[in-house]
Amino acid sequence: MILVSVQPGQEVMATLTAELRSRGVVNGAIVSLIGAVEGCAISTMAADDYAKDIVTEYGEPMELTGTGEVQDGAVHVHVVLGRQGDEAKAGHLHWGRVQHFFVNAYVMPL
């Protein structure tokens, strides 16, 4: 199991991709992510066109949990985000900015 810790000033997807590449992880399971971001972009599929991504950006602090995979070096993460008012958002993570918190990813290379 590999721990990738995304720290303040780092972006989640770029840090995961660079760290896993440096460790030689080409394929693997991202068993768990936990932490918080201060901004992010997630996407979901359009109801009438599964090939169309609807990307939404958020610029507020959110709790984060998720899972994912690494296939042929490409990192793919799905998250659930909790925001003020006990509201949850979910989708495919495009980017996540860590400013004051952290995001820890636990990865099992295959």
N, C-alpha and C. Protein backbone atom coordinates (compact mmCIF):
# COMPACT_ATOMS: atom_id res chain seq x y z
N MET A 1 0.86 -1.18 0.00
CA MET A 1 0.00 0.00 0.00
C MET A 1 0.90 1.23 0.00
N ILE A 2 0.56 2.20 -0.83
CA ILE A 2 1.30 3.46 -0.93
C ILE A 2 0.40 4.58 -0.41
N LEU A 3 0.96 5.46 0.41
CA LEU A 3 0.26 6.65 0.86
C LEU A 3 0.79 7.84 0.07
N VAL A 4 -0.11 8.53 -0.62
CA VAL A 4 0.23 9.79 -1.28
C VAL A 4 -0.50 10.88 -0.51
N SER A 5 0.26 11.81 0.05
CA SER A 5 -0.33 12.88 0.85
C SER A 5 -0.22 14.20 0.09
N VAL A 6 -1.38 14.76 -0.24
CA VAL A 6 -1.45 16.04 -0.94
C VAL A 6 -1.52 17.13 0.13
N GLN A 7 -0.58 18.04 0.10
CA GLN A 7 -0.42 19.05 1.15
C GLN A 7 -0.84 20.44 0.67
N PRO A 8 -0.96 21.39 1.60
CA PRO A 8 -1.34 22.76 1.23
C PRO A 8 -0.45 23.30 0.10
N GLY A 9 -1.12 23.92 -0.86
CA GLY A 9 -0.42 24.46 -2.02
C GLY A 9 -0.34 23.50 -3.19
N GLN A 10 -0.85 22.28 -3.01
CA GLN A 10 -0.80 21.29 -4.08
C GLN A 10 -2.20 21.03 -4.65
N GLU A 11 -2.21 20.48 -5.86
CA GLU A 11 -3.46 20.10 -6.52
C GLU A 11 -3.55 18.57 -6.49
N VAL A 12 -4.72 18.05 -6.20
CA VAL A 12 -4.90 16.61 -5.96
C VAL A 12 -4.50 15.75 -7.16
N MET A 13 -5.09 15.98 -8.32
CA MET A 13 -4.86 15.10 -9.46
C MET A 13 -3.42 15.18 -9.96
N ALA A 14 -2.86 16.37 -10.02
CA ALA A 14 -1.47 16.53 -10.49
C ALA A 14 -0.51 15.86 -9.52
N THR A 15 -0.75 16.02 -8.23
CA THR A 15 0.14 15.42 -7.23
C THR A 15 0.04 13.90 -7.26
N LEU A 16 -1.18 13.36 -7.33
CA LEU A 16 -1.34 11.90 -7.41
C LEU A 16 -0.65 11.35 -8.65
N THR A 17 -0.88 11.98 -9.79
CA THR A 17 -0.29 11.50 -11.05
C THR A 17 1.23 11.52 -10.99
N ALA A 18 1.81 12.63 -10.54
CA ALA A 18 3.27 12.75 -10.49
C ALA A 18 3.88 11.77 -9.49
N GLU A 19 3.28 11.65 -8.31
CA GLU A 19 3.83 10.78 -7.27
C GLU A 19 3.75 9.32 -7.67
N LEU A 20 2.62 8.91 -8.24
CA LEU A 20 2.49 7.51 -8.64
C LEU A 20 3.41 7.20 -9.81
N ARG A 21 3.56 8.13 -10.73
CA ARG A 21 4.50 7.93 -11.85
C ARG A 21 5.93 7.77 -11.31
N SER A 22 6.30 8.63 -10.34
CA SER A 22 7.66 8.55 -9.78
C SER A 22 7.91 7.24 -9.05
N ARG A 23 6.85 6.61 -8.56
CA ARG A 23 6.98 5.33 -7.85
C ARG A 23 6.77 4.13 -8.77
N GLY A 24 6.57 4.41 -10.07
CA GLY A 24 6.44 3.33 -11.05
C GLY A 24 5.10 2.64 -11.06
N VAL A 25 4.07 3.28 -10.51
CA VAL A 25 2.73 2.67 -10.49
C VAL A 25 2.04 2.95 -11.82
N VAL A 26 1.83 1.91 -12.62
CA VAL A 26 1.17 2.03 -13.91
C VAL A 26 -0.29 1.62 -13.81
N ASN A 27 -0.56 0.63 -12.97
CA ASN A 27 -1.92 0.15 -12.74
C ASN A 27 -2.10 -0.05 -11.24
N GLY A 28 -3.28 0.29 -10.75
CA GLY A 28 -3.54 0.12 -9.34
C GLY A 28 -4.93 0.55 -8.94
N ALA A 29 -5.26 0.25 -7.70
CA ALA A 29 -6.55 0.65 -7.13
C ALA A 29 -6.31 1.76 -6.12
N ILE A 30 -7.03 2.85 -6.26
CA ILE A 30 -7.02 3.91 -5.25
C ILE A 30 -8.12 3.51 -4.28
N VAL A 31 -7.69 2.88 -3.20
CA VAL A 31 -8.60 2.25 -2.26
C VAL A 31 -9.42 3.28 -1.50
N SER A 32 -8.77 4.41 -1.15
CA SER A 32 -9.47 5.42 -0.36
C SER A 32 -8.77 6.77 -0.50
N LEU A 33 -9.56 7.82 -0.54
CA LEU A 33 -9.07 9.19 -0.40
C LEU A 33 -9.86 9.82 0.73
N ILE A 34 -9.18 10.64 1.52
CA ILE A 34 -9.86 11.35 2.61
C ILE A 34 -9.16 12.68 2.82
N GLY A 35 -9.93 13.72 3.10
CA GLY A 35 -9.36 15.03 3.37
C GLY A 35 -10.34 16.13 3.06
N ALA A 36 -9.79 17.26 2.62
CA ALA A 36 -10.63 18.42 2.29
C ALA A 36 -9.93 19.27 1.25
N VAL A 37 -10.72 19.93 0.41
CA VAL A 37 -10.21 20.84 -0.61
C VAL A 37 -10.89 22.19 -0.44
N GLU A 38 -10.26 23.21 -1.00
CA GLU A 38 -10.83 24.55 -0.96
C GLU A 38 -11.38 24.99 -2.31
N GLY A 39 -11.37 24.12 -3.26
CA GLY A 39 -11.94 24.36 -4.58
C GLY A 39 -11.73 23.11 -5.40
N CYS A 40 -12.63 22.86 -6.36
CA CYS A 40 -12.51 21.65 -7.17
C CYS A 40 -13.40 21.75 -8.40
N ALA A 41 -13.21 20.81 -9.30
CA ALA A 41 -14.11 20.61 -10.43
C ALA A 41 -14.44 19.13 -10.50
N ILE A 42 -15.74 18.85 -10.59
CA ILE A 42 -16.21 17.47 -10.75
C ILE A 42 -17.15 17.42 -11.94
N SER A 43 -17.33 16.21 -12.47
CA SER A 43 -18.27 16.07 -13.58
C SER A 43 -19.15 14.85 -13.37
N THR A 44 -20.31 14.92 -14.01
CA THR A 44 -21.24 13.80 -14.09
C THR A 44 -21.68 13.69 -15.55
N MET A 45 -22.31 12.59 -15.88
CA MET A 45 -22.77 12.38 -17.25
C MET A 45 -24.12 13.05 -17.47
N ALA A 46 -24.34 13.53 -18.68
CA ALA A 46 -25.64 14.09 -19.05
C ALA A 46 -26.66 12.96 -19.12
N ALA A 47 -27.87 13.23 -18.68
CA ALA A 47 -28.92 12.21 -18.66
C ALA A 47 -29.25 11.69 -20.05
N ASP A 48 -29.11 12.54 -21.07
CA ASP A 48 -29.48 12.13 -22.42
C ASP A 48 -28.29 11.76 -23.30
N ASP A 49 -27.06 11.82 -22.74
CA ASP A 49 -25.87 11.51 -23.54
C ASP A 49 -24.74 11.09 -22.61
N TYR A 50 -24.56 9.79 -22.46
CA TYR A 50 -23.55 9.28 -21.53
C TYR A 50 -22.13 9.73 -21.88
N ALA A 51 -21.89 10.11 -23.12
CA ALA A 51 -20.55 10.52 -23.54
C ALA A 51 -20.26 11.99 -23.24
N LYS A 52 -21.28 12.73 -22.78
CA LYS A 52 -21.10 14.15 -22.49
C LYS A 52 -20.87 14.37 -21.00
N ASP A 53 -19.75 15.00 -20.68
CA ASP A 53 -19.44 15.36 -19.29
C ASP A 53 -19.98 16.74 -18.98
N ILE A 54 -20.66 16.86 -17.85
CA ILE A 54 -21.10 18.17 -17.36
C ILE A 54 -20.17 18.51 -16.20
N VAL A 55 -19.27 19.47 -16.41
CA VAL A 55 -18.27 19.84 -15.41
C VAL A 55 -18.78 21.03 -14.61
N THR A 56 -18.69 20.91 -13.27
CA THR A 56 -19.08 21.99 -12.37
C THR A 56 -17.90 22.31 -11.47
N GLU A 57 -17.59 23.60 -11.34
CA GLU A 57 -16.51 24.05 -10.47
C GLU A 57 -17.07 24.64 -9.18
N TYR A 58 -16.37 24.38 -8.09
CA TYR A 58 -16.74 24.90 -6.78
C TYR A 58 -15.54 25.62 -6.20
N GLY A 59 -15.76 26.76 -5.55
CA GLY A 59 -14.68 27.54 -4.97
C GLY A 59 -14.81 27.69 -3.47
N GLU A 60 -15.23 26.65 -2.81
CA GLU A 60 -15.47 26.70 -1.37
C GLU A 60 -14.84 25.48 -0.70
N PRO A 61 -14.65 25.54 0.61
CA PRO A 61 -14.11 24.37 1.30
C PRO A 61 -15.12 23.22 1.33
N MET A 62 -14.62 22.01 1.08
CA MET A 62 -15.46 20.81 1.10
C MET A 62 -14.69 19.63 1.65
N GLU A 63 -15.36 18.84 2.48
CA GLU A 63 -14.80 17.56 2.92
C GLU A 63 -14.81 16.62 1.71
N LEU A 64 -13.85 15.71 1.65
CA LEU A 64 -13.71 14.84 0.48
C LEU A 64 -13.46 13.41 0.90
N THR A 65 -14.12 12.49 0.22
CA THR A 65 -13.82 11.07 0.31
C THR A 65 -13.97 10.49 -1.09
N GLY A 66 -13.25 9.42 -1.39
CA GLY A 66 -13.35 8.87 -2.73
C GLY A 66 -12.58 7.59 -2.93
N THR A 67 -12.67 7.09 -4.16
CA THR A 67 -11.94 5.90 -4.61
C THR A 67 -11.56 6.13 -6.07
N GLY A 68 -10.79 5.21 -6.60
CA GLY A 68 -10.43 5.36 -8.01
C GLY A 68 -9.54 4.25 -8.49
N GLU A 69 -8.87 4.52 -9.61
CA GLU A 69 -7.99 3.54 -10.20
C GLU A 69 -6.89 4.23 -10.99
N VAL A 70 -5.86 3.48 -11.27
CA VAL A 70 -4.80 3.91 -12.17
C VAL A 70 -4.74 2.87 -13.27
N GLN A 71 -4.94 3.30 -14.51
CA GLN A 71 -4.88 2.38 -15.65
C GLN A 71 -3.92 2.96 -16.67
N ASP A 72 -2.89 2.18 -16.99
CA ASP A 72 -1.87 2.61 -17.95
C ASP A 72 -1.33 4.00 -17.59
N GLY A 73 -1.17 4.25 -16.30
CA GLY A 73 -0.60 5.51 -15.81
C GLY A 73 -1.59 6.64 -15.65
N ALA A 74 -2.83 6.46 -16.11
CA ALA A 74 -3.85 7.51 -16.00
C ALA A 74 -4.61 7.35 -14.68
N VAL A 75 -4.66 8.44 -13.91
CA VAL A 75 -5.35 8.43 -12.61
C VAL A 75 -6.81 8.84 -12.83
N HIS A 76 -7.73 8.03 -12.28
CA HIS A 76 -9.17 8.27 -12.42
C HIS A 76 -9.78 8.19 -11.02
N VAL A 77 -10.40 9.29 -10.57
CA VAL A 77 -10.90 9.37 -9.20
C VAL A 77 -12.36 9.80 -9.19
N HIS A 78 -13.17 9.13 -8.39
CA HIS A 78 -14.55 9.55 -8.12
C HIS A 78 -14.62 9.96 -6.65
N VAL A 79 -15.33 11.07 -6.40
CA VAL A 79 -15.39 11.62 -5.04
C VAL A 79 -16.82 11.92 -4.62
N VAL A 80 -16.98 11.98 -3.31
CA VAL A 80 -18.17 12.55 -2.68
C VAL A 80 -17.65 13.71 -1.84
N LEU A 81 -18.25 14.88 -2.01
CA LEU A 81 -17.82 16.09 -1.33
C LEU A 81 -18.94 16.61 -0.46
N GLY A 82 -18.60 16.97 0.77
CA GLY A 82 -19.59 17.55 1.68
C GLY A 82 -19.35 19.03 1.80
N ARG A 83 -20.42 19.81 1.64
CA ARG A 83 -20.30 21.27 1.73
C ARG A 83 -21.24 21.81 2.79
N GLN A 84 -21.09 23.08 3.08
CA GLN A 84 -21.90 23.73 4.11
C GLN A 84 -23.38 23.44 3.89
N GLY A 85 -24.08 23.23 4.99
CA GLY A 85 -25.51 22.91 4.91
C GLY A 85 -25.78 21.42 4.80
N ASP A 86 -24.78 20.60 5.08
CA ASP A 86 -24.92 19.15 5.01
C ASP A 86 -25.33 18.68 3.62
N GLU A 87 -24.82 19.35 2.60
CA GLU A 87 -25.13 19.00 1.21
C GLU A 87 -23.96 18.22 0.62
N ALA A 88 -24.27 17.18 -0.15
CA ALA A 88 -23.23 16.37 -0.78
C ALA A 88 -23.27 16.54 -2.29
N LYS A 89 -22.09 16.54 -2.89
CA LYS A 89 -21.91 16.56 -4.34
C LYS A 89 -21.04 15.36 -4.67
N ALA A 90 -21.24 14.77 -5.84
CA ALA A 90 -20.45 13.60 -6.21
C ALA A 90 -20.15 13.63 -7.70
N GLY A 91 -19.03 13.01 -8.06
CA GLY A 91 -18.69 12.89 -9.47
C GLY A 91 -17.24 12.56 -9.69
N HIS A 92 -16.83 12.67 -10.94
CA HIS A 92 -15.45 12.42 -11.37
C HIS A 92 -14.63 13.67 -11.06
N LEU A 93 -13.52 13.51 -10.34
CA LEU A 93 -12.69 14.65 -9.95
C LEU A 93 -11.76 15.05 -11.09
N HIS A 94 -11.87 16.31 -11.52
CA HIS A 94 -10.97 16.85 -12.55
C HIS A 94 -9.79 17.56 -11.91
N TRP A 95 -10.05 18.32 -10.86
CA TRP A 95 -8.98 18.96 -10.09
C TRP A 95 -9.52 19.30 -8.70
N GLY A 96 -8.61 19.38 -7.76
CA GLY A 96 -8.96 19.77 -6.39
C GLY A 96 -7.79 20.53 -5.78
N ARG A 97 -8.05 21.69 -5.26
CA ARG A 97 -7.01 22.57 -4.70
C ARG A 97 -6.98 22.43 -3.17
N VAL A 98 -5.81 22.10 -2.64
CA VAL A 98 -5.62 22.00 -1.20
C VAL A 98 -4.87 23.25 -0.76
N GLN A 99 -5.47 24.01 0.18
CA GLN A 99 -4.83 25.22 0.67
C GLN A 99 -4.50 25.14 2.16
N HIS A 100 -5.42 24.65 2.97
CA HIS A 100 -5.20 24.62 4.41
C HIS A 100 -5.30 23.22 5.00
N PHE A 101 -5.79 22.29 4.24
CA PHE A 101 -6.05 20.95 4.75
C PHE A 101 -5.06 19.95 4.15
N PHE A 102 -5.51 18.78 3.81
CA PHE A 102 -4.72 17.74 3.16
C PHE A 102 -5.69 16.79 2.47
N VAL A 103 -5.18 16.00 1.56
CA VAL A 103 -5.91 14.85 1.02
C VAL A 103 -4.92 13.70 1.03
N ASN A 104 -5.29 12.61 1.69
CA ASN A 104 -4.48 11.41 1.70
C ASN A 104 -5.12 10.38 0.78
N ALA A 105 -4.30 9.80 -0.09
CA ALA A 105 -4.75 8.74 -1.00
C ALA A 105 -3.99 7.46 -0.66
N TYR A 106 -4.72 6.37 -0.49
CA TYR A 106 -4.14 5.08 -0.19
C TYR A 106 -4.28 4.23 -1.45
N VAL A 107 -3.13 3.85 -2.01
CA VAL A 107 -3.10 3.22 -3.34
C VAL A 107 -2.47 1.83 -3.24
N MET A 108 -3.13 0.87 -3.88
CA MET A 108 -2.63 -0.50 -3.95
C MET A 108 -2.16 -0.75 -5.38
N PRO A 109 -0.84 -0.80 -5.62
CA PRO A 109 -0.35 -1.08 -6.96
C PRO A 109 -0.75 -2.50 -7.38
N LEU A 110 -0.99 -2.68 -8.69
CA LEU A 110 -1.33 -4.01 -9.22
C LEU A 110 -0.22 -4.50 -10.13
